[in-house]
Amino acid sequence: MKNEGNDPWSMKQQPQHNRGASSNQRRQGASHKKGPKRIEKQPLDPSRIRKINGSFAFIEHRFLSDGFWSSLEPHQLPLYLFLVLVADRNGISYYSYDKICTLVGLTLDEYIEARNSLAAKNLIACNGHLFQVLSLPEGAVSPLAAKSQPSEIRQLIDRALGKSRE
């Protein structure tokens, strides 16, 4: 006999007002409702509902819907997600660049380019020792606008050679 408690399609997963009603009765009941049809969402595994334990990281839905996700390049996204995960409630973290490179799987050059691009896109602030994941700006920055910002290493090389990027 099948254990209905673990079956996501069992009667326990149906909304209260639909239990025991025939499909015809459910359709008739739905026709009385006004407004857009709502999707009834039930957890697939009620024993595994996420809870906030200890620290907590979050990313606003606007990160996806306003184009920030799509504006990030391959090395920027894992760095940003890492900084979000390790930040405290104020967005502050203080991992060293070598630890970040090891955990995220970036070379030093990839890390510096990603860090500078995230700062140029106004997603993070850093002072050399601390990072702060910032609240999202009003709109996403296009990938081309952020690319136009020279990397820190490029700026140092250009200064050493007496070149100006203007």
N, C-alpha and C. Protein backbone atom coordinates (compact mmCIF):
# COMPACT_ATOMS: atom_id res chain seq x y z
N MET A 1 0.84 -1.19 0.00
CA MET A 1 0.00 0.00 0.00
C MET A 1 0.88 1.25 0.00
N LYS A 2 0.51 2.23 -0.77
CA LYS A 2 1.29 3.44 -0.94
C LYS A 2 1.12 4.35 0.28
N ASN A 3 2.23 4.95 0.73
CA ASN A 3 2.20 5.87 1.85
C ASN A 3 1.78 7.24 1.34
N GLU A 4 0.54 7.64 1.60
CA GLU A 4 0.03 8.90 1.08
C GLU A 4 0.71 10.10 1.69
N GLY A 5 1.30 9.99 2.86
CA GLY A 5 1.96 11.13 3.50
C GLY A 5 3.16 11.60 2.70
N ASN A 6 3.82 10.74 1.95
CA ASN A 6 4.99 11.13 1.18
C ASN A 6 4.67 11.37 -0.29
N ASP A 7 3.43 11.16 -0.70
CA ASP A 7 3.03 11.33 -2.09
C ASP A 7 2.61 12.78 -2.29
N PRO A 8 3.37 13.56 -3.12
CA PRO A 8 3.03 14.97 -3.30
C PRO A 8 1.68 15.18 -3.95
N TRP A 9 1.06 14.14 -4.55
CA TRP A 9 -0.22 14.31 -5.22
C TRP A 9 -1.36 13.74 -4.39
N SER A 10 -1.08 13.41 -3.14
CA SER A 10 -2.12 12.84 -2.29
C SER A 10 -3.15 13.91 -1.94
N MET A 11 -4.25 13.47 -1.35
CA MET A 11 -5.31 14.40 -0.95
C MET A 11 -4.79 15.44 0.04
N LYS A 12 -3.77 15.11 0.81
CA LYS A 12 -3.26 16.07 1.79
C LYS A 12 -2.66 17.29 1.11
N GLN A 13 -2.24 17.17 -0.13
CA GLN A 13 -1.62 18.28 -0.84
C GLN A 13 -2.63 19.20 -1.51
N GLN A 14 -3.89 18.77 -1.60
CA GLN A 14 -4.89 19.60 -2.26
C GLN A 14 -5.38 20.67 -1.30
N PRO A 15 -5.74 21.84 -1.83
CA PRO A 15 -6.27 22.89 -0.96
C PRO A 15 -7.51 22.40 -0.24
N GLN A 16 -7.76 22.95 0.96
CA GLN A 16 -8.87 22.53 1.81
C GLN A 16 -10.20 22.57 1.07
N HIS A 17 -10.46 23.64 0.29
CA HIS A 17 -11.78 23.79 -0.33
C HIS A 17 -12.00 22.80 -1.47
N ASN A 18 -10.96 22.12 -1.94
CA ASN A 18 -11.12 21.17 -3.04
C ASN A 18 -11.20 19.72 -2.57
N ARG A 19 -10.90 19.46 -1.31
CA ARG A 19 -10.90 18.08 -0.83
C ARG A 19 -12.29 17.49 -0.89
N GLY A 20 -12.37 16.33 -1.48
CA GLY A 20 -13.63 15.61 -1.53
C GLY A 20 -14.56 16.07 -2.64
N ALA A 21 -14.25 17.15 -3.32
CA ALA A 21 -15.11 17.63 -4.39
C ALA A 21 -14.75 16.93 -5.69
N SER A 22 -15.76 16.67 -6.50
CA SER A 22 -15.49 16.07 -7.80
C SER A 22 -14.87 17.13 -8.71
N SER A 23 -14.27 16.68 -9.81
CA SER A 23 -13.66 17.64 -10.74
C SER A 23 -14.72 18.57 -11.31
N ASN A 24 -15.94 18.06 -11.52
CA ASN A 24 -17.03 18.89 -12.03
C ASN A 24 -17.41 19.97 -11.01
N GLN A 25 -17.47 19.59 -9.73
CA GLN A 25 -17.80 20.56 -8.68
C GLN A 25 -16.71 21.61 -8.56
N ARG A 26 -15.45 21.21 -8.69
CA ARG A 26 -14.36 22.18 -8.61
C ARG A 26 -14.44 23.18 -9.76
N ARG A 27 -14.73 22.70 -10.96
CA ARG A 27 -14.85 23.60 -12.11
C ARG A 27 -16.00 24.58 -11.92
N GLN A 28 -17.13 24.09 -11.41
CA GLN A 28 -18.27 24.98 -11.19
C GLN A 28 -17.94 26.02 -10.13
N GLY A 29 -17.24 25.61 -9.08
CA GLY A 29 -16.86 26.55 -8.02
C GLY A 29 -15.92 27.60 -8.55
N ALA A 30 -15.02 27.23 -9.47
CA ALA A 30 -14.07 28.18 -10.01
C ALA A 30 -14.75 29.22 -10.88
N SER A 31 -15.88 28.85 -11.50
CA SER A 31 -16.55 29.80 -12.39
C SER A 31 -17.21 30.93 -11.61
N HIS A 32 -17.49 30.74 -10.32
CA HIS A 32 -18.10 31.78 -9.50
C HIS A 32 -17.10 32.86 -9.10
N LYS A 33 -15.80 32.50 -9.08
CA LYS A 33 -14.77 33.42 -8.61
C LYS A 33 -14.55 34.53 -9.62
N LYS A 34 -14.28 35.71 -9.07
CA LYS A 34 -13.98 36.87 -9.92
C LYS A 34 -12.48 37.11 -9.87
N GLY A 35 -11.97 37.76 -10.92
CA GLY A 35 -10.56 38.10 -10.97
C GLY A 35 -9.74 36.98 -11.57
N PRO A 36 -8.42 37.21 -11.65
CA PRO A 36 -7.55 36.22 -12.27
C PRO A 36 -7.47 34.94 -11.42
N LYS A 37 -7.30 33.83 -12.09
CA LYS A 37 -7.20 32.53 -11.41
C LYS A 37 -5.85 32.45 -10.72
N ARG A 38 -5.90 32.16 -9.45
CA ARG A 38 -4.67 32.01 -8.66
C ARG A 38 -4.19 30.58 -8.69
N ILE A 39 -2.91 30.42 -8.77
CA ILE A 39 -2.32 29.09 -8.69
C ILE A 39 -2.15 28.75 -7.22
N GLU A 40 -2.72 27.63 -6.82
CA GLU A 40 -2.55 27.17 -5.45
C GLU A 40 -1.19 26.49 -5.34
N LYS A 41 -0.34 27.03 -4.48
CA LYS A 41 1.01 26.47 -4.31
C LYS A 41 1.08 25.74 -2.98
N GLN A 42 1.51 24.51 -3.05
CA GLN A 42 1.71 23.70 -1.86
C GLN A 42 3.14 23.17 -1.89
N PRO A 43 3.82 23.11 -0.76
CA PRO A 43 5.17 22.54 -0.75
C PRO A 43 5.15 21.09 -1.24
N LEU A 44 6.13 20.74 -2.04
CA LEU A 44 6.24 19.36 -2.51
C LEU A 44 6.71 18.45 -1.40
N ASP A 45 7.54 18.98 -0.50
CA ASP A 45 8.02 18.20 0.63
C ASP A 45 7.89 19.06 1.88
N PRO A 46 6.74 19.00 2.56
CA PRO A 46 6.50 19.87 3.73
C PRO A 46 7.53 19.69 4.85
N SER A 47 8.19 18.57 4.91
CA SER A 47 9.18 18.36 5.97
C SER A 47 10.49 19.08 5.67
N ARG A 48 10.63 19.64 4.46
CA ARG A 48 11.88 20.29 4.05
C ARG A 48 11.69 21.76 3.70
N ILE A 49 10.75 22.44 4.35
CA ILE A 49 10.55 23.87 4.12
C ILE A 49 11.72 24.62 4.73
N ARG A 50 12.29 25.54 3.96
CA ARG A 50 13.47 26.28 4.43
C ARG A 50 13.12 27.16 5.62
N LYS A 51 14.08 27.27 6.53
CA LYS A 51 13.94 28.11 7.71
C LYS A 51 15.20 28.95 7.84
N ILE A 52 15.07 30.10 8.45
CA ILE A 52 16.24 30.93 8.70
C ILE A 52 16.87 30.44 9.99
N ASN A 53 18.07 29.90 9.89
CA ASN A 53 18.84 29.44 11.04
C ASN A 53 20.19 30.14 11.01
N GLY A 54 20.51 30.89 12.04
CA GLY A 54 21.79 31.58 12.06
C GLY A 54 21.82 32.71 11.07
N SER A 55 22.89 32.75 10.28
CA SER A 55 23.02 33.84 9.31
C SER A 55 22.03 33.65 8.17
N PHE A 56 21.83 34.71 7.43
CA PHE A 56 20.84 34.67 6.37
C PHE A 56 21.32 35.55 5.22
N ALA A 57 21.27 35.02 4.01
CA ALA A 57 21.61 35.78 2.82
C ALA A 57 20.37 35.87 1.95
N PHE A 58 20.22 36.99 1.27
CA PHE A 58 19.08 37.10 0.37
C PHE A 58 19.48 37.94 -0.83
N ILE A 59 18.78 37.69 -1.92
CA ILE A 59 18.94 38.49 -3.13
C ILE A 59 17.54 38.94 -3.52
N GLU A 60 17.39 40.23 -3.72
CA GLU A 60 16.09 40.75 -4.13
C GLU A 60 15.67 40.15 -5.46
N HIS A 61 14.37 39.96 -5.65
CA HIS A 61 13.86 39.45 -6.92
C HIS A 61 14.21 40.40 -8.06
N ARG A 62 14.34 41.69 -7.76
CA ARG A 62 14.73 42.67 -8.78
C ARG A 62 16.07 42.34 -9.42
N PHE A 63 16.92 41.59 -8.70
CA PHE A 63 18.21 41.20 -9.25
C PHE A 63 18.01 40.45 -10.56
N LEU A 64 16.97 39.64 -10.61
CA LEU A 64 16.63 38.90 -11.83
C LEU A 64 15.73 39.73 -12.74
N SER A 65 14.65 40.26 -12.19
CA SER A 65 13.63 40.91 -13.03
C SER A 65 14.10 42.24 -13.63
N ASP A 66 15.02 42.94 -13.00
CA ASP A 66 15.49 44.22 -13.53
C ASP A 66 16.76 44.11 -14.35
N GLY A 67 17.22 42.89 -14.60
CA GLY A 67 18.34 42.70 -15.53
C GLY A 67 19.72 42.68 -14.92
N PHE A 68 19.84 42.72 -13.60
CA PHE A 68 21.18 42.67 -13.00
C PHE A 68 21.85 41.33 -13.29
N TRP A 69 21.09 40.24 -13.15
CA TRP A 69 21.63 38.90 -13.43
C TRP A 69 22.23 38.85 -14.83
N SER A 70 21.46 39.28 -15.82
CA SER A 70 21.92 39.18 -17.20
C SER A 70 23.04 40.17 -17.52
N SER A 71 23.22 41.20 -16.68
CA SER A 71 24.29 42.16 -16.93
C SER A 71 25.64 41.66 -16.43
N LEU A 72 25.63 40.60 -15.64
CA LEU A 72 26.89 40.10 -15.08
C LEU A 72 27.55 39.09 -16.02
N GLU A 73 28.86 39.19 -16.08
CA GLU A 73 29.65 38.28 -16.90
C GLU A 73 30.03 37.04 -16.09
N PRO A 74 30.57 36.01 -16.74
CA PRO A 74 30.81 34.73 -16.07
C PRO A 74 31.58 34.77 -14.76
N HIS A 75 32.56 35.64 -14.60
CA HIS A 75 33.32 35.68 -13.34
C HIS A 75 32.69 36.61 -12.31
N GLN A 76 31.83 37.51 -12.77
CA GLN A 76 31.20 38.45 -11.85
C GLN A 76 30.08 37.79 -11.04
N LEU A 77 29.31 36.94 -11.68
CA LEU A 77 28.18 36.32 -10.99
C LEU A 77 28.59 35.46 -9.80
N PRO A 78 29.55 34.53 -9.95
CA PRO A 78 29.91 33.74 -8.75
C PRO A 78 30.54 34.59 -7.66
N LEU A 79 31.29 35.62 -8.02
CA LEU A 79 31.86 36.50 -6.99
C LEU A 79 30.75 37.24 -6.26
N TYR A 80 29.79 37.77 -6.99
CA TYR A 80 28.67 38.48 -6.36
C TYR A 80 27.89 37.54 -5.44
N LEU A 81 27.56 36.36 -5.93
CA LEU A 81 26.80 35.41 -5.11
C LEU A 81 27.58 35.00 -3.87
N PHE A 82 28.89 34.81 -4.01
CA PHE A 82 29.72 34.49 -2.85
C PHE A 82 29.66 35.61 -1.82
N LEU A 83 29.83 36.85 -2.28
CA LEU A 83 29.81 37.99 -1.35
C LEU A 83 28.46 38.13 -0.66
N VAL A 84 27.38 37.84 -1.37
CA VAL A 84 26.05 37.87 -0.76
C VAL A 84 25.95 36.80 0.33
N LEU A 85 26.47 35.60 0.03
CA LEU A 85 26.36 34.49 0.99
C LEU A 85 27.17 34.71 2.26
N VAL A 86 28.32 35.36 2.16
CA VAL A 86 29.19 35.50 3.34
C VAL A 86 28.97 36.82 4.07
N ALA A 87 28.15 37.71 3.53
CA ALA A 87 27.95 39.02 4.15
C ALA A 87 27.08 38.92 5.40
N ASP A 88 27.30 39.87 6.30
CA ASP A 88 26.43 39.96 7.48
C ASP A 88 25.16 40.72 7.11
N ARG A 89 24.34 41.05 8.09
CA ARG A 89 23.05 41.69 7.81
C ARG A 89 23.19 43.07 7.18
N ASN A 90 24.38 43.68 7.28
CA ASN A 90 24.63 44.97 6.65
C ASN A 90 25.33 44.83 5.30
N GLY A 91 25.53 43.60 4.87
CA GLY A 91 26.19 43.36 3.58
C GLY A 91 27.70 43.34 3.67
N ILE A 92 28.25 43.36 4.87
CA ILE A 92 29.70 43.45 5.07
C ILE A 92 30.33 42.07 5.17
N SER A 93 31.46 41.91 4.49
CA SER A 93 32.29 40.70 4.65
C SER A 93 33.75 41.10 4.51
N TYR A 94 34.62 40.26 5.00
CA TYR A 94 36.05 40.61 4.99
C TYR A 94 36.93 39.43 4.59
N TYR A 95 36.49 38.62 3.66
CA TYR A 95 37.33 37.54 3.14
C TYR A 95 38.48 38.13 2.34
N SER A 96 39.64 37.50 2.45
CA SER A 96 40.80 37.97 1.69
C SER A 96 40.68 37.51 0.24
N TYR A 97 41.38 38.20 -0.64
CA TYR A 97 41.28 37.87 -2.06
C TYR A 97 41.76 36.45 -2.35
N ASP A 98 42.79 35.98 -1.63
CA ASP A 98 43.28 34.62 -1.89
C ASP A 98 42.25 33.57 -1.47
N LYS A 99 41.55 33.80 -0.37
CA LYS A 99 40.50 32.87 0.07
C LYS A 99 39.33 32.90 -0.91
N ILE A 100 38.96 34.10 -1.35
CA ILE A 100 37.86 34.23 -2.32
C ILE A 100 38.22 33.50 -3.62
N CYS A 101 39.44 33.74 -4.12
CA CYS A 101 39.87 33.09 -5.36
C CYS A 101 39.83 31.57 -5.23
N THR A 102 40.27 31.05 -4.09
CA THR A 102 40.26 29.61 -3.86
C THR A 102 38.84 29.07 -3.81
N LEU A 103 37.97 29.70 -3.03
CA LEU A 103 36.61 29.20 -2.85
C LEU A 103 35.74 29.37 -4.10
N VAL A 104 35.93 30.47 -4.82
CA VAL A 104 35.09 30.76 -5.98
C VAL A 104 35.69 30.15 -7.25
N GLY A 105 36.99 29.86 -7.23
CA GLY A 105 37.65 29.26 -8.40
C GLY A 105 38.06 30.28 -9.44
N LEU A 106 38.52 31.43 -8.98
CA LEU A 106 38.96 32.49 -9.90
C LEU A 106 40.46 32.69 -9.81
N THR A 107 41.07 33.08 -10.92
CA THR A 107 42.46 33.52 -10.87
C THR A 107 42.47 34.92 -10.29
N LEU A 108 43.65 35.40 -9.92
CA LEU A 108 43.74 36.75 -9.36
C LEU A 108 43.25 37.80 -10.36
N ASP A 109 43.63 37.66 -11.62
CA ASP A 109 43.19 38.62 -12.64
C ASP A 109 41.68 38.59 -12.82
N GLU A 110 41.09 37.39 -12.83
CA GLU A 110 39.64 37.26 -12.97
C GLU A 110 38.93 37.89 -11.77
N TYR A 111 39.49 37.66 -10.59
CA TYR A 111 38.93 38.24 -9.36
C TYR A 111 38.95 39.76 -9.41
N ILE A 112 40.10 40.33 -9.77
CA ILE A 112 40.23 41.79 -9.79
C ILE A 112 39.28 42.39 -10.82
N GLU A 113 39.21 41.78 -12.00
CA GLU A 113 38.31 42.28 -13.04
C GLU A 113 36.85 42.19 -12.58
N ALA A 114 36.48 41.06 -11.99
CA ALA A 114 35.10 40.88 -11.51
C ALA A 114 34.78 41.86 -10.39
N ARG A 115 35.68 42.01 -9.44
CA ARG A 115 35.47 42.94 -8.31
C ARG A 115 35.30 44.36 -8.81
N ASN A 116 36.18 44.79 -9.72
CA ASN A 116 36.09 46.15 -10.24
C ASN A 116 34.82 46.37 -11.05
N SER A 117 34.41 45.37 -11.80
CA SER A 117 33.18 45.49 -12.59
C SER A 117 31.96 45.57 -11.69
N LEU A 118 31.93 44.76 -10.62
CA LEU A 118 30.80 44.81 -9.69
C LEU A 118 30.73 46.17 -9.00
N ALA A 119 31.89 46.74 -8.68
CA ALA A 119 31.92 48.07 -8.08
C ALA A 119 31.47 49.12 -9.10
N ALA A 120 31.89 48.98 -10.36
CA ALA A 120 31.48 49.93 -11.41
C ALA A 120 29.98 49.85 -11.67
N LYS A 121 29.41 48.67 -11.47
CA LYS A 121 27.96 48.49 -11.66
C LYS A 121 27.18 48.89 -10.40
N ASN A 122 27.90 49.37 -9.39
CA ASN A 122 27.29 49.86 -8.16
C ASN A 122 26.58 48.75 -7.38
N LEU A 123 27.13 47.52 -7.47
CA LEU A 123 26.56 46.40 -6.73
C LEU A 123 27.32 46.13 -5.43
N ILE A 124 28.61 46.47 -5.41
CA ILE A 124 29.42 46.30 -4.21
C ILE A 124 30.28 47.53 -3.99
N ALA A 125 30.75 47.66 -2.77
CA ALA A 125 31.78 48.65 -2.44
C ALA A 125 32.90 47.88 -1.76
N CYS A 126 34.13 48.29 -1.98
CA CYS A 126 35.25 47.64 -1.28
C CYS A 126 36.33 48.68 -1.03
N ASN A 127 37.06 48.47 0.06
CA ASN A 127 38.13 49.41 0.40
C ASN A 127 39.49 48.71 0.50
N GLY A 128 39.59 47.50 0.01
CA GLY A 128 40.83 46.75 0.08
C GLY A 128 40.83 45.72 1.20
N HIS A 129 40.02 45.95 2.23
CA HIS A 129 39.92 45.02 3.35
C HIS A 129 38.50 44.50 3.55
N LEU A 130 37.54 45.36 3.32
CA LEU A 130 36.14 45.00 3.52
C LEU A 130 35.37 45.10 2.21
N PHE A 131 34.34 44.27 2.13
CA PHE A 131 33.37 44.36 1.04
C PHE A 131 32.04 44.72 1.64
N GLN A 132 31.26 45.46 0.89
CA GLN A 132 29.86 45.67 1.25
C GLN A 132 29.02 45.39 0.02
N VAL A 133 28.08 44.44 0.15
CA VAL A 133 27.09 44.23 -0.89
C VAL A 133 26.08 45.34 -0.71
N LEU A 134 25.90 46.15 -1.75
CA LEU A 134 25.04 47.33 -1.67
C LEU A 134 23.61 46.98 -2.02
N SER A 135 22.68 47.81 -1.56
CA SER A 135 21.30 47.67 -2.03
C SER A 135 21.32 47.90 -3.54
N LEU A 136 20.40 47.27 -4.24
CA LEU A 136 20.41 47.37 -5.70
C LEU A 136 20.12 48.80 -6.14
N PRO A 137 20.88 49.28 -7.14
CA PRO A 137 20.59 50.60 -7.67
C PRO A 137 19.26 50.60 -8.42
N GLU A 138 18.82 51.77 -8.84
CA GLU A 138 17.52 51.89 -9.51
C GLU A 138 17.41 51.03 -10.76
N GLY A 139 18.45 50.93 -11.55
CA GLY A 139 18.39 50.13 -12.78
C GLY A 139 19.70 49.40 -13.01
N ALA A 140 19.65 48.35 -13.79
CA ALA A 140 20.85 47.58 -14.09
C ALA A 140 21.75 48.38 -15.02
N VAL A 141 23.05 48.12 -14.90
CA VAL A 141 24.04 48.74 -15.77
C VAL A 141 24.30 47.78 -16.91
N SER A 142 24.36 48.30 -18.12
CA SER A 142 24.61 47.42 -19.26
C SER A 142 26.02 46.85 -19.18
N PRO A 143 26.23 45.63 -19.68
CA PRO A 143 27.57 45.04 -19.66
C PRO A 143 28.60 45.91 -20.37
N LEU A 144 28.22 46.60 -21.43
CA LEU A 144 29.18 47.44 -22.16
C LEU A 144 29.64 48.63 -21.34
N ALA A 145 28.74 49.24 -20.57
CA ALA A 145 29.12 50.39 -19.75
C ALA A 145 30.10 49.97 -18.66
N ALA A 146 29.89 48.83 -18.07
CA ALA A 146 30.79 48.36 -17.02
C ALA A 146 32.14 47.95 -17.60
N LYS A 147 32.16 47.41 -18.82
CA LYS A 147 33.43 47.00 -19.45
C LYS A 147 34.31 48.19 -19.74
N SER A 148 33.72 49.35 -19.94
CA SER A 148 34.51 50.52 -20.29
C SER A 148 35.37 50.99 -19.11
N GLN A 149 35.08 50.50 -17.91
CA GLN A 149 35.88 50.84 -16.74
C GLN A 149 37.15 49.99 -16.75
N PRO A 150 38.35 50.61 -16.82
CA PRO A 150 39.58 49.82 -16.84
C PRO A 150 39.83 49.15 -15.50
N SER A 151 40.45 47.97 -15.55
CA SER A 151 40.74 47.25 -14.32
C SER A 151 41.80 47.99 -13.52
N GLU A 152 41.89 47.66 -12.25
CA GLU A 152 42.85 48.29 -11.35
C GLU A 152 44.28 48.04 -11.83
N ILE A 153 44.57 46.82 -12.26
CA ILE A 153 45.91 46.49 -12.75
C ILE A 153 46.22 47.31 -14.00
N ARG A 154 45.24 47.40 -14.93
CA ARG A 154 45.43 48.19 -16.15
C ARG A 154 45.70 49.64 -15.79
N GLN A 155 44.99 50.19 -14.81
CA GLN A 155 45.19 51.58 -14.40
C GLN A 155 46.60 51.77 -13.85
N LEU A 156 47.07 50.82 -13.02
CA LEU A 156 48.42 50.91 -12.45
C LEU A 156 49.49 50.83 -13.55
N ILE A 157 49.31 49.93 -14.49
CA ILE A 157 50.27 49.79 -15.59
C ILE A 157 50.30 51.08 -16.42
N ASP A 158 49.11 51.59 -16.74
CA ASP A 158 49.03 52.81 -17.53
C ASP A 158 49.70 53.98 -16.80
N ARG A 159 49.48 54.09 -15.50
CA ARG A 159 50.11 55.18 -14.73
C ARG A 159 51.61 55.02 -14.73
N ALA A 160 52.10 53.77 -14.54
CA ALA A 160 53.54 53.51 -14.51
C ALA A 160 54.19 53.85 -15.83
N LEU A 161 53.47 53.63 -16.92
CA LEU A 161 54.00 53.93 -18.25
C LEU A 161 53.71 55.36 -18.69
N GLY A 162 53.03 56.10 -17.83
CA GLY A 162 52.72 57.48 -18.14
C GLY A 162 51.62 57.65 -19.17
N LYS A 163 50.79 56.63 -19.32
CA LYS A 163 49.68 56.68 -20.29
C LYS A 163 48.45 57.23 -19.60
N SER A 164 47.65 57.91 -20.37
CA SER A 164 46.36 58.41 -19.88
C SER A 164 45.26 57.70 -20.66
N ARG A 165 44.17 57.32 -19.99
CA ARG A 165 43.06 56.61 -20.64
C ARG A 165 41.94 57.57 -20.99
N GLU A 166 42.23 58.82 -21.16
CA GLU A 166 41.19 59.80 -21.45
C GLU A 166 40.98 59.97 -22.91
